[in-house]
Amino acid sequence: MNIPENYIPIIIQIAVGFGFVVLCILGTHFLGPRQKATSVKKNESFECGIDVEGNARNPFSVKYFLTAVLFVLFDIEIVFFYPYAVNIREFGVEGFLAVLTFIAVFFIAFIYVWKRGALDWDR
């Protein structure tokens, strides 16, 4: 099998990345502390000397996760506008129509989310 010279740096980078992941996993396994539950007290969480009250696994409302996903989605949309803003003159009318279509798709998605009540905190 003959590998072109242009792919060698990519293969080396993938191998180094994979090796780093394997090294970290094995390192934490061998160098990490051994779990020896000598008492129930050691398995409890400790926060500033205050005893634990209640269950720490109370579920969060789905609204928080939905808001986070929507924020990331619309935040990433803004990142895609940067190349267009930098090269606005080179794109011309075709680039303008492509960006207008991109904005329209996200605007329709925003209206859909709004109509479904995802942004209404009282529900």
PDB file of N, CA and C in Angstrom:
ATOM      1  N   MET A   1       0.850  -1.173   0.000  1.00  0.00           N
ATOM      2  CA  MET A   1       0.000   0.000   0.000  1.00  0.00           C
ATOM      3  C   MET A   1       0.891   1.229   0.000  1.00  0.00           C
ATOM      4  N   ASN A   2       0.680   2.099  -0.953  1.00  0.00           N
ATOM      5  CA  ASN A   2       1.492   3.301  -1.093  1.00  0.00           C
ATOM      6  C   ASN A   2       0.693   4.505  -0.594  1.00  0.00           C
ATOM      7  N   ILE A   3       1.190   5.163   0.461  1.00  0.00           N
ATOM      8  CA  ILE A   3       0.514   6.326   1.033  1.00  0.00           C
ATOM      9  C   ILE A   3       1.154   7.584   0.460  1.00  0.00           C
ATOM     10  N   PRO A   4       0.340   8.478  -0.104  1.00  0.00           N
ATOM     11  CA  PRO A   4       0.905   9.738  -0.593  1.00  0.00           C
ATOM     12  C   PRO A   4       1.542  10.529   0.550  1.00  0.00           C
ATOM     13  N   GLU A   5       2.573  11.276   0.218  1.00  0.00           N
ATOM     14  CA  GLU A   5       3.318  12.018   1.238  1.00  0.00           C
ATOM     15  C   GLU A   5       2.466  13.073   1.932  1.00  0.00           C
ATOM     16  N   ASN A   6       1.430  13.555   1.288  1.00  0.00           N
ATOM     17  CA  ASN A   6       0.594  14.588   1.900  1.00  0.00           C
ATOM     18  C   ASN A   6      -0.217  14.054   3.079  1.00  0.00           C
ATOM     19  N   TYR A   7      -0.464  12.742   3.115  1.00  0.00           N
ATOM     20  CA  TYR A   7      -1.279  12.163   4.183  1.00  0.00           C
ATOM     21  C   TYR A   7      -0.466  11.772   5.414  1.00  0.00           C
ATOM     22  N   ILE A   8       0.837  11.737   5.312  1.00  0.00           N
ATOM     23  CA  ILE A   8       1.674  11.307   6.437  1.00  0.00           C
ATOM     24  C   ILE A   8       1.496  12.203   7.664  1.00  0.00           C
ATOM     25  N   PRO A   9       1.495  13.544   7.554  1.00  0.00           N
ATOM     26  CA  PRO A   9       1.275  14.361   8.765  1.00  0.00           C
ATOM     27  C   PRO A   9      -0.092  14.125   9.406  1.00  0.00           C
ATOM     28  N   ILE A  10      -1.103  13.885   8.588  1.00  0.00           N
ATOM     29  CA  ILE A  10      -2.437  13.624   9.134  1.00  0.00           C
ATOM     30  C   ILE A  10      -2.444  12.300   9.894  1.00  0.00           C
ATOM     31  N   ILE A  11      -1.821  11.291   9.336  1.00  0.00           N
ATOM     32  CA  ILE A  11      -1.755   9.986   9.996  1.00  0.00           C
ATOM     33  C   ILE A  11      -0.970  10.089  11.301  1.00  0.00           C
ATOM     34  N   ILE A  12       0.123  10.841  11.283  1.00  0.00           N
ATOM     35  CA  ILE A  12       0.908  11.034  12.506  1.00  0.00           C
ATOM     36  C   ILE A  12       0.078  11.756  13.563  1.00  0.00           C
ATOM     37  N   GLN A  13      -0.666  12.773  13.163  1.00  0.00           N
ATOM     38  CA  GLN A  13      -1.483  13.517  14.122  1.00  0.00           C
ATOM     39  C   GLN A  13      -2.582  12.632  14.711  1.00  0.00           C
ATOM     40  N   ILE A  14      -3.214  11.824  13.893  1.00  0.00           N
ATOM     41  CA  ILE A  14      -4.240  10.908  14.397  1.00  0.00           C
ATOM     42  C   ILE A  14      -3.622   9.888  15.349  1.00  0.00           C
ATOM     43  N   ALA A  15      -2.454   9.362  15.002  1.00  0.00           N
ATOM     44  CA  ALA A  15      -1.790   8.381  15.866  1.00  0.00           C
ATOM     45  C   ALA A  15      -1.381   9.004  17.199  1.00  0.00           C
ATOM     46  N   VAL A  16      -0.854  10.223  17.168  1.00  0.00           N
ATOM     47  CA  VAL A  16      -0.469  10.902  18.411  1.00  0.00           C
ATOM     48  C   VAL A  16      -1.703  11.189  19.260  1.00  0.00           C
ATOM     49  N   GLY A  17      -2.778  11.629  18.637  1.00  0.00           N
ATOM     50  CA  GLY A  17      -4.010  11.887  19.380  1.00  0.00           C
ATOM     51  C   GLY A  17      -4.564  10.623  20.011  1.00  0.00           C
ATOM     52  N   PHE A  18      -4.599   9.545  19.246  1.00  0.00           N
ATOM     53  CA  PHE A  18      -5.080   8.273  19.778  1.00  0.00           C
ATOM     54  C   PHE A  18      -4.172   7.779  20.900  1.00  0.00           C
ATOM     55  N   GLY A  19      -2.866   7.912  20.708  1.00  0.00           N
ATOM     56  CA  GLY A  19      -1.915   7.509  21.749  1.00  0.00           C
ATOM     57  C   GLY A  19      -2.082   8.318  23.022  1.00  0.00           C
ATOM     58  N   PHE A  20      -2.352   9.613  22.883  1.00  0.00           N
ATOM     59  CA  PHE A  20      -2.572  10.463  24.058  1.00  0.00           C
ATOM     60  C   PHE A  20      -3.815  10.030  24.823  1.00  0.00           C
ATOM     61  N   VAL A  21      -4.873   9.713  24.104  1.00  0.00           N
ATOM     62  CA  VAL A  21      -6.107   9.257  24.760  1.00  0.00           C
ATOM     63  C   VAL A  21      -5.860   7.947  25.496  1.00  0.00           C
ATOM     64  N   VAL A  22      -5.200   7.003  24.855  1.00  0.00           N
ATOM     65  CA  VAL A  22      -4.909   5.717  25.491  1.00  0.00           C
ATOM     66  C   VAL A  22      -4.006   5.918  26.698  1.00  0.00           C
ATOM     67  N   LEU A  23      -2.998   6.776  26.583  1.00  0.00           N
ATOM     68  CA  LEU A  23      -2.094   7.056  27.699  1.00  0.00           C
ATOM     69  C   LEU A  23      -2.844   7.666  28.882  1.00  0.00           C
ATOM     70  N   CYS A  24      -3.747   8.586  28.619  1.00  0.00           N
ATOM     71  CA  CYS A  24      -4.527   9.203  29.704  1.00  0.00           C
ATOM     72  C   CYS A  24      -5.433   8.190  30.387  1.00  0.00           C
ATOM     73  N   ILE A  25      -6.081   7.351  29.607  1.00  0.00           N
ATOM     74  CA  ILE A  25      -6.983   6.357  30.199  1.00  0.00           C
ATOM     75  C   ILE A  25      -6.201   5.346  31.033  1.00  0.00           C
ATOM     76  N   LEU A  26      -5.115   4.833  30.491  1.00  0.00           N
ATOM     77  CA  LEU A  26      -4.317   3.868  31.242  1.00  0.00           C
ATOM     78  C   LEU A  26      -3.621   4.520  32.433  1.00  0.00           C
ATOM     79  N   GLY A  27      -3.168   5.756  32.265  1.00  0.00           N
ATOM     80  CA  GLY A  27      -2.504   6.464  33.367  1.00  0.00           C
ATOM     81  C   GLY A  27      -3.423   6.686  34.548  1.00  0.00           C
ATOM     82  N   THR A  28      -4.652   7.093  34.286  1.00  0.00           N
ATOM     83  CA  THR A  28      -5.585   7.295  35.396  1.00  0.00           C
ATOM     84  C   THR A  28      -5.987   5.972  36.032  1.00  0.00           C
ATOM     85  N   HIS A  29      -5.998   4.913  35.241  1.00  0.00           N
ATOM     86  CA  HIS A  29      -6.345   3.609  35.804  1.00  0.00           C
ATOM     87  C   HIS A  29      -5.244   3.108  36.741  1.00  0.00           C
ATOM     88  N   PHE A  30      -3.998   3.222  36.328  1.00  0.00           N
ATOM     89  CA  PHE A  30      -2.899   2.692  37.132  1.00  0.00           C
ATOM     90  C   PHE A  30      -2.430   3.654  38.223  1.00  0.00           C
ATOM     91  N   LEU A  31      -2.480   4.945  37.980  1.00  0.00           N
ATOM     92  CA  LEU A  31      -1.986   5.915  38.953  1.00  0.00           C
ATOM     93  C   LEU A  31      -3.060   6.449  39.884  1.00  0.00           C
ATOM     94  N   GLY A  32      -4.303   6.231  39.538  1.00  0.00           N
ATOM     95  CA  GLY A  32      -5.404   6.770  40.341  1.00  0.00           C
ATOM     96  C   GLY A  32      -5.577   6.017  41.647  1.00  0.00           C
ATOM     97  N   PRO A  33      -6.358   6.602  42.552  1.00  0.00           N
ATOM     98  CA  PRO A  33      -6.570   5.950  43.849  1.00  0.00           C
ATOM     99  C   PRO A  33      -7.441   4.705  43.704  1.00  0.00           C
ATOM    100  N   ARG A  34      -7.184   3.766  44.572  1.00  0.00           N
ATOM    101  CA  ARG A  34      -7.990   2.550  44.599  1.00  0.00           C
ATOM    102  C   ARG A  34      -9.192   2.808  45.493  1.00  0.00           C
ATOM    103  N   GLN A  35     -10.347   2.420  45.046  1.00  0.00           N
ATOM    104  CA  GLN A  35     -11.581   2.638  45.801  1.00  0.00           C
ATOM    105  C   GLN A  35     -11.732   1.519  46.822  1.00  0.00           C
ATOM    106  N   LYS A  36     -11.500   1.860  48.074  1.00  0.00           N
ATOM    107  CA  LYS A  36     -11.689   0.900  49.156  1.00  0.00           C
ATOM    108  C   LYS A  36     -12.680   1.511  50.126  1.00  0.00           C
ATOM    109  N   ALA A  37     -13.899   1.074  50.042  1.00  0.00           N
ATOM    110  CA  ALA A  37     -14.955   1.620  50.895  1.00  0.00           C
ATOM    111  C   ALA A  37     -14.829   1.021  52.288  1.00  0.00           C
ATOM    112  N   THR A  38     -14.109   1.725  53.171  1.00  0.00           N
ATOM    113  CA  THR A  38     -13.961   1.238  54.540  1.00  0.00           C
ATOM    114  C   THR A  38     -15.160   1.613  55.386  1.00  0.00           C
ATOM    115  N   SER A  39     -15.826   2.690  55.014  1.00  0.00           N
ATOM    116  CA  SER A  39     -17.018   3.077  55.757  1.00  0.00           C
ATOM    117  C   SER A  39     -17.982   3.783  54.813  1.00  0.00           C
ATOM    118  N   VAL A  40     -19.223   3.846  55.226  1.00  0.00           N
ATOM    119  CA  VAL A  40     -20.246   4.511  54.427  1.00  0.00           C
ATOM    120  C   VAL A  40     -19.986   6.008  54.390  1.00  0.00           C
ATOM    121  N   LYS A  41     -19.401   6.546  55.437  1.00  0.00           N
ATOM    122  CA  LYS A  41     -19.157   7.982  55.544  1.00  0.00           C
ATOM    123  C   LYS A  41     -18.191   8.464  54.451  1.00  0.00           C
ATOM    124  N   LYS A  42     -17.245   7.625  54.063  1.00  0.00           N
ATOM    125  CA  LYS A  42     -16.285   8.038  53.040  1.00  0.00           C
ATOM    126  C   LYS A  42     -16.906   8.119  51.654  1.00  0.00           C
ATOM    127  N   ASN A  43     -18.004   7.438  51.435  1.00  0.00           N
ATOM    128  CA  ASN A  43     -18.658   7.473  50.138  1.00  0.00           C
ATOM    129  C   ASN A  43     -19.631   8.629  49.997  1.00  0.00           C
ATOM    130  N   GLU A  44     -19.892   9.361  51.072  1.00  0.00           N
ATOM    131  CA  GLU A  44     -20.794  10.503  51.007  1.00  0.00           C
ATOM    132  C   GLU A  44     -20.056  11.723  50.474  1.00  0.00           C
ATOM    133  N   SER A  45     -20.817  12.609  49.872  1.00  0.00           N
ATOM    134  CA  SER A  45     -20.208  13.840  49.367  1.00  0.00           C
ATOM    135  C   SER A  45     -19.932  14.789  50.527  1.00  0.00           C
ATOM    136  N   PHE A  46     -18.935  15.639  50.337  1.00  0.00           N
ATOM    137  CA  PHE A  46     -18.532  16.585  51.372  1.00  0.00           C
ATOM    138  C   PHE A  46     -18.476  17.967  50.753  1.00  0.00           C
ATOM    139  N   GLU A  47     -19.215  18.889  51.309  1.00  0.00           N
ATOM    140  CA  GLU A  47     -19.249  20.246  50.765  1.00  0.00           C
ATOM    141  C   GLU A  47     -19.090  21.239  51.905  1.00  0.00           C
ATOM    142  N   CYS A  48     -17.900  21.748  52.083  1.00  0.00           N
ATOM    143  CA  CYS A  48     -17.613  22.824  53.047  1.00  0.00           C
ATOM    144  C   CYS A  48     -18.013  22.461  54.471  1.00  0.00           C
ATOM    145  N   GLY A  49     -17.965  21.215  54.820  1.00  0.00           N
ATOM    146  CA  GLY A  49     -18.271  20.823  56.182  1.00  0.00           C
ATOM    147  C   GLY A  49     -19.745  20.766  56.506  1.00  0.00           C
ATOM    148  N   ILE A  50     -20.605  20.978  55.538  1.00  0.00           N
ATOM    149  CA  ILE A  50     -22.051  20.958  55.766  1.00  0.00           C
ATOM    150  C   ILE A  50     -22.569  19.564  55.443  1.00  0.00           C
ATOM    151  N   ASP A  51     -23.370  19.033  56.337  1.00  0.00           N
ATOM    152  CA  ASP A  51     -23.939  17.707  56.107  1.00  0.00           C
ATOM    153  C   ASP A  51     -24.920  17.737  54.937  1.00  0.00           C
ATOM    154  N   VAL A  52     -25.001  16.619  54.267  1.00  0.00           N
ATOM    155  CA  VAL A  52     -25.875  16.498  53.107  1.00  0.00           C
ATOM    156  C   VAL A  52     -27.324  16.414  53.578  1.00  0.00           C
ATOM    157  N   GLU A  53     -28.188  17.172  52.909  1.00  0.00           N
ATOM    158  CA  GLU A  53     -29.613  17.119  53.203  1.00  0.00           C
ATOM    159  C   GLU A  53     -30.365  16.780  51.924  1.00  0.00           C
ATOM    160  N   GLY A  54     -31.148  15.757  51.969  1.00  0.00           N
ATOM    161  CA  GLY A  54     -31.962  15.414  50.812  1.00  0.00           C
ATOM    162  C   GLY A  54     -31.177  14.685  49.736  1.00  0.00           C
ATOM    163  N   ASN A  55     -31.812  14.548  48.601  1.00  0.00           N
ATOM    164  CA  ASN A  55     -31.228  13.841  47.476  1.00  0.00           C
ATOM    165  C   ASN A  55     -30.581  14.845  46.528  1.00  0.00           C
ATOM    166  N   ALA A  56     -29.346  14.598  46.146  1.00  0.00           N
ATOM    167  CA  ALA A  56     -28.644  15.497  45.231  1.00  0.00           C
ATOM    168  C   ALA A  56     -29.010  15.226  43.776  1.00  0.00           C
ATOM    169  N   ARG A  57     -29.777  14.209  43.528  1.00  0.00           N
ATOM    170  CA  ARG A  57     -30.124  13.823  42.161  1.00  0.00           C
ATOM    171  C   ARG A  57     -31.496  14.328  41.749  1.00  0.00           C
ATOM    172  N   ASN A  58     -31.903  15.483  42.243  1.00  0.00           N
ATOM    173  CA  ASN A  58     -33.185  16.042  41.832  1.00  0.00           C
ATOM    174  C   ASN A  58     -33.122  16.429  40.362  1.00  0.00           C
ATOM    175  N   PRO A  59     -34.107  16.051  39.589  1.00  0.00           N
ATOM    176  CA  PRO A  59     -34.052  16.348  38.151  1.00  0.00           C
ATOM    177  C   PRO A  59     -34.268  17.833  37.863  1.00  0.00           C
ATOM    178  N   PHE A  60     -33.553  18.324  36.858  1.00  0.00           N
ATOM    179  CA  PHE A  60     -33.742  19.688  36.388  1.00  0.00           C
ATOM    180  C   PHE A  60     -34.907  19.717  35.412  1.00  0.00           C
ATOM    181  N   SER A  61     -35.485  20.862  35.288  1.00  0.00           N
ATOM    182  CA  SER A  61     -36.544  21.034  34.305  1.00  0.00           C
ATOM    183  C   SER A  61     -35.948  20.943  32.903  1.00  0.00           C
ATOM    184  N   VAL A  62     -36.710  20.397  31.993  1.00  0.00           N
ATOM    185  CA  VAL A  62     -36.260  20.272  30.612  1.00  0.00           C
ATOM    186  C   VAL A  62     -36.059  21.647  29.990  1.00  0.00           C
ATOM    187  N   LYS A  63     -36.721  22.661  30.520  1.00  0.00           N
ATOM    188  CA  LYS A  63     -36.598  24.023  29.985  1.00  0.00           C
ATOM    189  C   LYS A  63     -35.148  24.500  29.998  1.00  0.00           C
ATOM    190  N   TYR A  64     -34.387  24.142  31.031  1.00  0.00           N
ATOM    191  CA  TYR A  64     -32.992  24.566  31.102  1.00  0.00           C
ATOM    192  C   TYR A  64     -32.183  23.971  29.953  1.00  0.00           C
ATOM    193  N   PHE A  65     -32.372  22.687  29.709  1.00  0.00           N
ATOM    194  CA  PHE A  65     -31.639  22.031  28.640  1.00  0.00           C
ATOM    195  C   PHE A  65     -32.084  22.550  27.274  1.00  0.00           C
ATOM    196  N   LEU A  66     -33.370  22.764  27.111  1.00  0.00           N
ATOM    197  CA  LEU A  66     -33.893  23.289  25.854  1.00  0.00           C
ATOM    198  C   LEU A  66     -33.351  24.684  25.586  1.00  0.00           C
ATOM    199  N   THR A  67     -33.299  25.506  26.625  1.00  0.00           N
ATOM    200  CA  THR A  67     -32.747  26.850  26.470  1.00  0.00           C
ATOM    201  C   THR A  67     -31.273  26.785  26.095  1.00  0.00           C
ATOM    202  N   ALA A  68     -30.526  25.883  26.701  1.00  0.00           N
ATOM    203  CA  ALA A  68     -29.106  25.744  26.379  1.00  0.00           C
ATOM    204  C   ALA A  68     -28.909  25.305  24.934  1.00  0.00           C
ATOM    205  N   VAL A  69     -29.697  24.349  24.476  1.00  0.00           N
ATOM    206  CA  VAL A  69     -29.580  23.876  23.091  1.00  0.00           C
ATOM    207  C   VAL A  69     -29.948  24.978  22.110  1.00  0.00           C
ATOM    208  N   LEU A  70     -31.015  25.716  22.405  1.00  0.00           N
ATOM    209  CA  LEU A  70     -31.408  26.817  21.521  1.00  0.00           C
ATOM    210  C   LEU A  70     -30.349  27.906  21.491  1.00  0.00           C
ATOM    211  N   PHE A  71     -29.754  28.197  22.643  1.00  0.00           N
ATOM    212  CA  PHE A  71     -28.692  29.202  22.681  1.00  0.00           C
ATOM    213  C   PHE A  71     -27.515  28.778  21.814  1.00  0.00           C
ATOM    214  N   VAL A  72     -27.085  27.539  21.962  1.00  0.00           N
ATOM    215  CA  VAL A  72     -25.954  27.054  21.165  1.00  0.00           C
ATOM    216  C   VAL A  72     -26.301  27.081  19.682  1.00  0.00           C
ATOM    217  N   LEU A  73     -27.505  26.663  19.334  1.00  0.00           N
ATOM    218  CA  LEU A  73     -27.921  26.637  17.933  1.00  0.00           C
ATOM    219  C   LEU A  73     -27.875  28.026  17.312  1.00  0.00           C
ATOM    220  N   PHE A  74     -28.476  29.001  17.978  1.00  0.00           N
ATOM    221  CA  PHE A  74     -28.515  30.337  17.412  1.00  0.00           C
ATOM    222  C   PHE A  74     -27.185  31.069  17.584  1.00  0.00           C
ATOM    223  N   ASP A  75     -26.373  30.650  18.531  1.00  0.00           N
ATOM    224  CA  ASP A  75     -25.043  31.235  18.678  1.00  0.00           C
ATOM    225  C   ASP A  75     -24.135  30.762  17.547  1.00  0.00           C
ATOM    226  N   ILE A  76     -24.236  29.513  17.179  1.00  0.00           N
ATOM    227  CA  ILE A  76     -23.444  28.984  16.065  1.00  0.00           C
ATOM    228  C   ILE A  76     -23.867  29.642  14.758  1.00  0.00           C
ATOM    229  N   GLU A  77     -25.127  29.992  14.651  1.00  0.00           N
ATOM    230  CA  GLU A  77     -25.601  30.692  13.455  1.00  0.00           C
ATOM    231  C   GLU A  77     -24.820  31.989  13.249  1.00  0.00           C
ATOM    232  N   ILE A  78     -24.568  32.697  14.315  1.00  0.00           N
ATOM    233  CA  ILE A  78     -23.829  33.957  14.225  1.00  0.00           C
ATOM    234  C   ILE A  78     -22.400  33.711  13.748  1.00  0.00           C
ATOM    235  N   VAL A  79     -21.808  32.587  14.148  1.00  0.00           N
ATOM    236  CA  VAL A  79     -20.442  32.276  13.722  1.00  0.00           C
ATOM    237  C   VAL A  79     -20.372  32.109  12.205  1.00  0.00           C
ATOM    238  N   PHE A  80     -21.425  31.581  11.603  1.00  0.00           N
ATOM    239  CA  PHE A  80     -21.428  31.391  10.155  1.00  0.00           C
ATOM    240  C   PHE A  80     -21.564  32.703   9.386  1.00  0.00           C
ATOM    241  N   PHE A  81     -21.988  33.756  10.044  1.00  0.00           N
ATOM    242  CA  PHE A  81     -22.083  35.053   9.377  1.00  0.00           C
ATOM    243  C   PHE A  81     -20.725  35.734   9.229  1.00  0.00           C
ATOM    244  N   TYR A  82     -19.754  35.359  10.019  1.00  0.00           N
ATOM    245  CA  TYR A  82     -18.462  36.043   9.985  1.00  0.00           C
ATOM    246  C   TYR A  82     -17.768  35.934   8.624  1.00  0.00           C
ATOM    247  N   PRO A  83     -17.648  34.750   8.029  1.00  0.00           N
ATOM    248  CA  PRO A  83     -17.000  34.698   6.708  1.00  0.00           C
ATOM    249  C   PRO A  83     -17.745  35.520   5.660  1.00  0.00           C
ATOM    250  N   TYR A  84     -19.059  35.554   5.764  1.00  0.00           N
ATOM    251  CA  TYR A  84     -19.824  36.365   4.817  1.00  0.00           C
ATOM    252  C   TYR A  84     -19.535  37.844   5.018  1.00  0.00           C
ATOM    253  N   ALA A  85     -19.470  38.279   6.251  1.00  0.00           N
ATOM    254  CA  ALA A  85     -19.214  39.696   6.527  1.00  0.00           C
ATOM    255  C   ALA A  85     -17.823  40.106   6.062  1.00  0.00           C
ATOM    256  N   VAL A  86     -16.868  39.208   6.158  1.00  0.00           N
ATOM    257  CA  VAL A  86     -15.502  39.532   5.733  1.00  0.00           C
ATOM    258  C   VAL A  86     -15.409  39.602   4.211  1.00  0.00           C
ATOM    259  N   ASN A  87     -16.103  38.722   3.515  1.00  0.00           N
ATOM    260  CA  ASN A  87     -16.003  38.624   2.056  1.00  0.00           C
ATOM    261  C   ASN A  87     -17.279  39.058   1.356  1.00  0.00           C
ATOM    262  N   ILE A  88     -17.945  40.046   1.867  1.00  0.00           N
ATOM    263  CA  ILE A  88     -19.256  40.443   1.341  1.00  0.00           C
ATOM    264  C   ILE A  88     -19.183  40.896  -0.119  1.00  0.00           C
ATOM    265  N   ARG A  89     -18.125  41.553  -0.496  1.00  0.00           N
ATOM    266  CA  ARG A  89     -18.020  42.062  -1.877  1.00  0.00           C
ATOM    267  C   ARG A  89     -17.724  40.952  -2.881  1.00  0.00           C
ATOM    268  N   GLU A  90     -16.955  39.949  -2.461  1.00  0.00           N
ATOM    269  CA  GLU A  90     -16.604  38.870  -3.385  1.00  0.00           C
ATOM    270  C   GLU A  90     -17.774  37.917  -3.648  1.00  0.00           C
ATOM    271  N   PHE A  91     -18.701  37.798  -2.716  1.00  0.00           N
ATOM    272  CA  PHE A  91     -19.808  36.855  -2.875  1.00  0.00           C
ATOM    273  C   PHE A  91     -20.853  37.331  -3.868  1.00  0.00           C
ATOM    274  N   GLY A  92     -21.082  38.613  -3.926  1.00  0.00           N
ATOM    275  CA  GLY A  92     -22.043  39.158  -4.880  1.00  0.00           C
ATOM    276  C   GLY A  92     -23.479  38.792  -4.545  1.00  0.00           C
ATOM    277  N   VAL A  93     -24.306  38.770  -5.596  1.00  0.00           N
ATOM    278  CA  VAL A  93     -25.735  38.518  -5.418  1.00  0.00           C
ATOM    279  C   VAL A  93     -25.993  37.062  -5.010  1.00  0.00           C
ATOM    280  N   GLU A  94     -25.236  36.119  -5.568  1.00  0.00           N
ATOM    281  CA  GLU A  94     -25.424  34.709  -5.213  1.00  0.00           C
ATOM    282  C   GLU A  94     -25.133  34.468  -3.738  1.00  0.00           C
ATOM    283  N   GLY A  95     -24.088  35.085  -3.244  1.00  0.00           N
ATOM    284  CA  GLY A  95     -23.769  34.961  -1.821  1.00  0.00           C
ATOM    285  C   GLY A  95     -24.830  35.596  -0.953  1.00  0.00           C
ATOM    286  N   PHE A  96     -25.359  36.737  -1.404  1.00  0.00           N
ATOM    287  CA  PHE A  96     -26.416  37.406  -0.649  1.00  0.00           C
ATOM    288  C   PHE A  96     -27.662  36.534  -0.572  1.00  0.00           C
ATOM    289  N   LEU A  97     -28.029  35.904  -1.693  1.00  0.00           N
ATOM    290  CA  LEU A  97     -29.203  35.031  -1.695  1.00  0.00           C
ATOM    291  C   LEU A  97     -28.981  33.788  -0.827  1.00  0.00           C
ATOM    292  N   ALA A  98     -27.758  33.271  -0.826  1.00  0.00           N
ATOM    293  CA  ALA A  98     -27.457  32.111   0.022  1.00  0.00           C
ATOM    294  C   ALA A  98     -27.583  32.470   1.501  1.00  0.00           C
ATOM    295  N   VAL A  99     -27.062  33.631   1.875  1.00  0.00           N
ATOM    296  CA  VAL A  99     -27.158  34.064   3.271  1.00  0.00           C
ATOM    297  C   VAL A  99     -28.602  34.388   3.627  1.00  0.00           C
ATOM    298  N   LEU A 100     -29.338  34.961   2.696  1.00  0.00           N
ATOM    299  CA  LEU A 100     -30.747  35.254   2.939  1.00  0.00           C
ATOM    300  C   LEU A 100     -31.541  33.957   3.157  1.00  0.00           C
ATOM    301  N   THR A 101     -31.226  32.922   2.391  1.00  0.00           N
ATOM    302  CA  THR A 101     -31.861  31.618   2.585  1.00  0.00           C
ATOM    303  C   THR A 101     -31.490  31.031   3.944  1.00  0.00           C
ATOM    304  N   PHE A 102     -30.229  31.171   4.310  1.00  0.00           N
ATOM    305  CA  PHE A 102     -29.748  30.693   5.611  1.00  0.00           C
ATOM    306  C   PHE A 102     -30.494  31.384   6.751  1.00  0.00           C
ATOM    307  N   ILE A 103     -30.649  32.698   6.641  1.00  0.00           N
ATOM    308  CA  ILE A 103     -31.371  33.462   7.663  1.00  0.00           C
ATOM    309  C   ILE A 103     -32.842  33.050   7.685  1.00  0.00           C
ATOM    310  N   ALA A 104     -33.426  32.830   6.527  1.00  0.00           N
ATOM    311  CA  ALA A 104     -34.840  32.449   6.461  1.00  0.00           C
ATOM    312  C   ALA A 104     -35.078  31.104   7.135  1.00  0.00           C
ATOM    313  N   VAL A 105     -34.183  30.148   6.922  1.00  0.00           N
ATOM    314  CA  VAL A 105     -34.334  28.832   7.556  1.00  0.00           C
ATOM    315  C   VAL A 105     -34.276  28.969   9.073  1.00  0.00           C
ATOM    316  N   PHE A 106     -33.326  29.747   9.569  1.00  0.00           N
ATOM    317  CA  PHE A 106     -33.233  29.925  11.016  1.00  0.00           C
ATOM    318  C   PHE A 106     -34.394  30.746  11.566  1.00  0.00           C
ATOM    319  N   PHE A 107     -34.901  31.681  10.794  1.00  0.00           N
ATOM    320  CA  PHE A 107     -36.050  32.462  11.245  1.00  0.00           C
ATOM    321  C   PHE A 107     -37.295  31.577  11.330  1.00  0.00           C
ATOM    322  N   ILE A 108     -37.472  30.703  10.353  1.00  0.00           N
ATOM    323  CA  ILE A 108     -38.597  29.764  10.389  1.00  0.00           C
ATOM    324  C   ILE A 108     -38.453  28.817  11.582  1.00  0.00           C
ATOM    325  N   ALA A 109     -37.231  28.363  11.851  1.00  0.00           N
ATOM    326  CA  ALA A 109     -37.002  27.505  13.019  1.00  0.00           C
ATOM    327  C   ALA A 109     -37.307  28.251  14.312  1.00  0.00           C
ATOM    328  N   PHE A 110     -36.933  29.524  14.380  1.00  0.00           N
ATOM    329  CA  PHE A 110     -37.218  30.328  15.570  1.00  0.00           C
ATOM    330  C   PHE A 110     -38.722  30.496  15.764  1.00  0.00           C
ATOM    331  N   ILE A 111     -39.450  30.771  14.688  1.00  0.00           N
ATOM    332  CA  ILE A 111     -40.905  30.914  14.776  1.00  0.00           C
ATOM    333  C   ILE A 111     -41.536  29.593  15.223  1.00  0.00           C
ATOM    334  N   TYR A 112     -41.041  28.474  14.697  1.00  0.00           N
ATOM    335  CA  TYR A 112     -41.551  27.162  15.088  1.00  0.00           C
ATOM    336  C   TYR A 112     -41.346  26.915  16.584  1.00  0.00           C
ATOM    337  N   VAL A 113     -40.140  27.204  17.070  1.00  0.00           N
ATOM    338  CA  VAL A 113     -39.841  27.024  18.494  1.00  0.00           C
ATOM    339  C   VAL A 113     -40.713  27.931  19.340  1.00  0.00           C
ATOM    340  N   TRP A 114     -40.913  29.132  18.889  1.00  0.00           N
ATOM    341  CA  TRP A 114     -41.731  30.104  19.618  1.00  0.00           C
ATOM    342  C   TRP A 114     -43.191  29.646  19.679  1.00  0.00           C
ATOM    343  N   LYS A 115     -43.731  29.191  18.542  1.00  0.00           N
ATOM    344  CA  LYS A 115     -45.121  28.743  18.495  1.00  0.00           C
ATOM    345  C   LYS A 115     -45.340  27.460  19.303  1.00  0.00           C
ATOM    346  N   ARG A 116     -44.326  26.625  19.398  1.00  0.00           N
ATOM    347  CA  ARG A 116     -44.438  25.399  20.190  1.00  0.00           C
ATOM    348  C   ARG A 116     -44.388  25.679  21.690  1.00  0.00           C
ATOM    349  N   GLY A 117     -44.052  26.921  22.071  1.00  0.00           N
ATOM    350  CA  GLY A 117     -44.035  27.299  23.477  1.00  0.00           C
ATOM    351  C   GLY A 117     -42.740  26.999  24.194  1.00  0.00           C
ATOM    352  N   ALA A 118     -41.666  26.755  23.458  1.00  0.00           N
ATOM    353  CA  ALA A 118     -40.394  26.441  24.101  1.00  0.00           C
ATOM    354  C   ALA A 118     -39.798  27.646  24.810  1.00  0.00           C
ATOM    355  N   LEU A 119     -40.184  28.837  24.416  1.00  0.00           N
ATOM    356  CA  LEU A 119     -39.647  30.042  25.039  1.00  0.00           C
ATOM    357  C   LEU A 119     -40.560  30.582  26.135  1.00  0.00           C
ATOM    358  N   ASP A 120     -41.671  29.913  26.385  1.00  0.00           N
ATOM    359  CA  ASP A 120     -42.632  30.355  27.397  1.00  0.00           C
ATOM    360  C   ASP A 120     -42.326  29.647  28.715  1.00  0.00           C
ATOM    361  N   TRP A 121     -41.834  30.383  29.693  1.00  0.00           N
ATOM    362  CA  TRP A 121     -41.423  29.796  30.966  1.00  0.00           C
ATOM    363  C   TRP A 121     -42.598  29.476  31.879  1.00  0.00           C
ATOM    364  N   ASP A 122     -43.759  30.002  31.610  1.00  0.00           N
ATOM    365  CA  ASP A 122     -44.906  29.793  32.493  1.00  0.00           C
ATOM    366  C   ASP A 122     -45.599  28.460  32.256  1.00  0.00           C
ATOM    367  N   ARG A 123     -45.280  27.786  31.192  1.00  0.00           N
ATOM    368  CA  ARG A 123     -45.952  26.521  30.863  1.00  0.00           C
ATOM    369  C   ARG A 123     -45.388  25.371  31.640  1.00  0.00           C
TER     370      ARG A 123
END
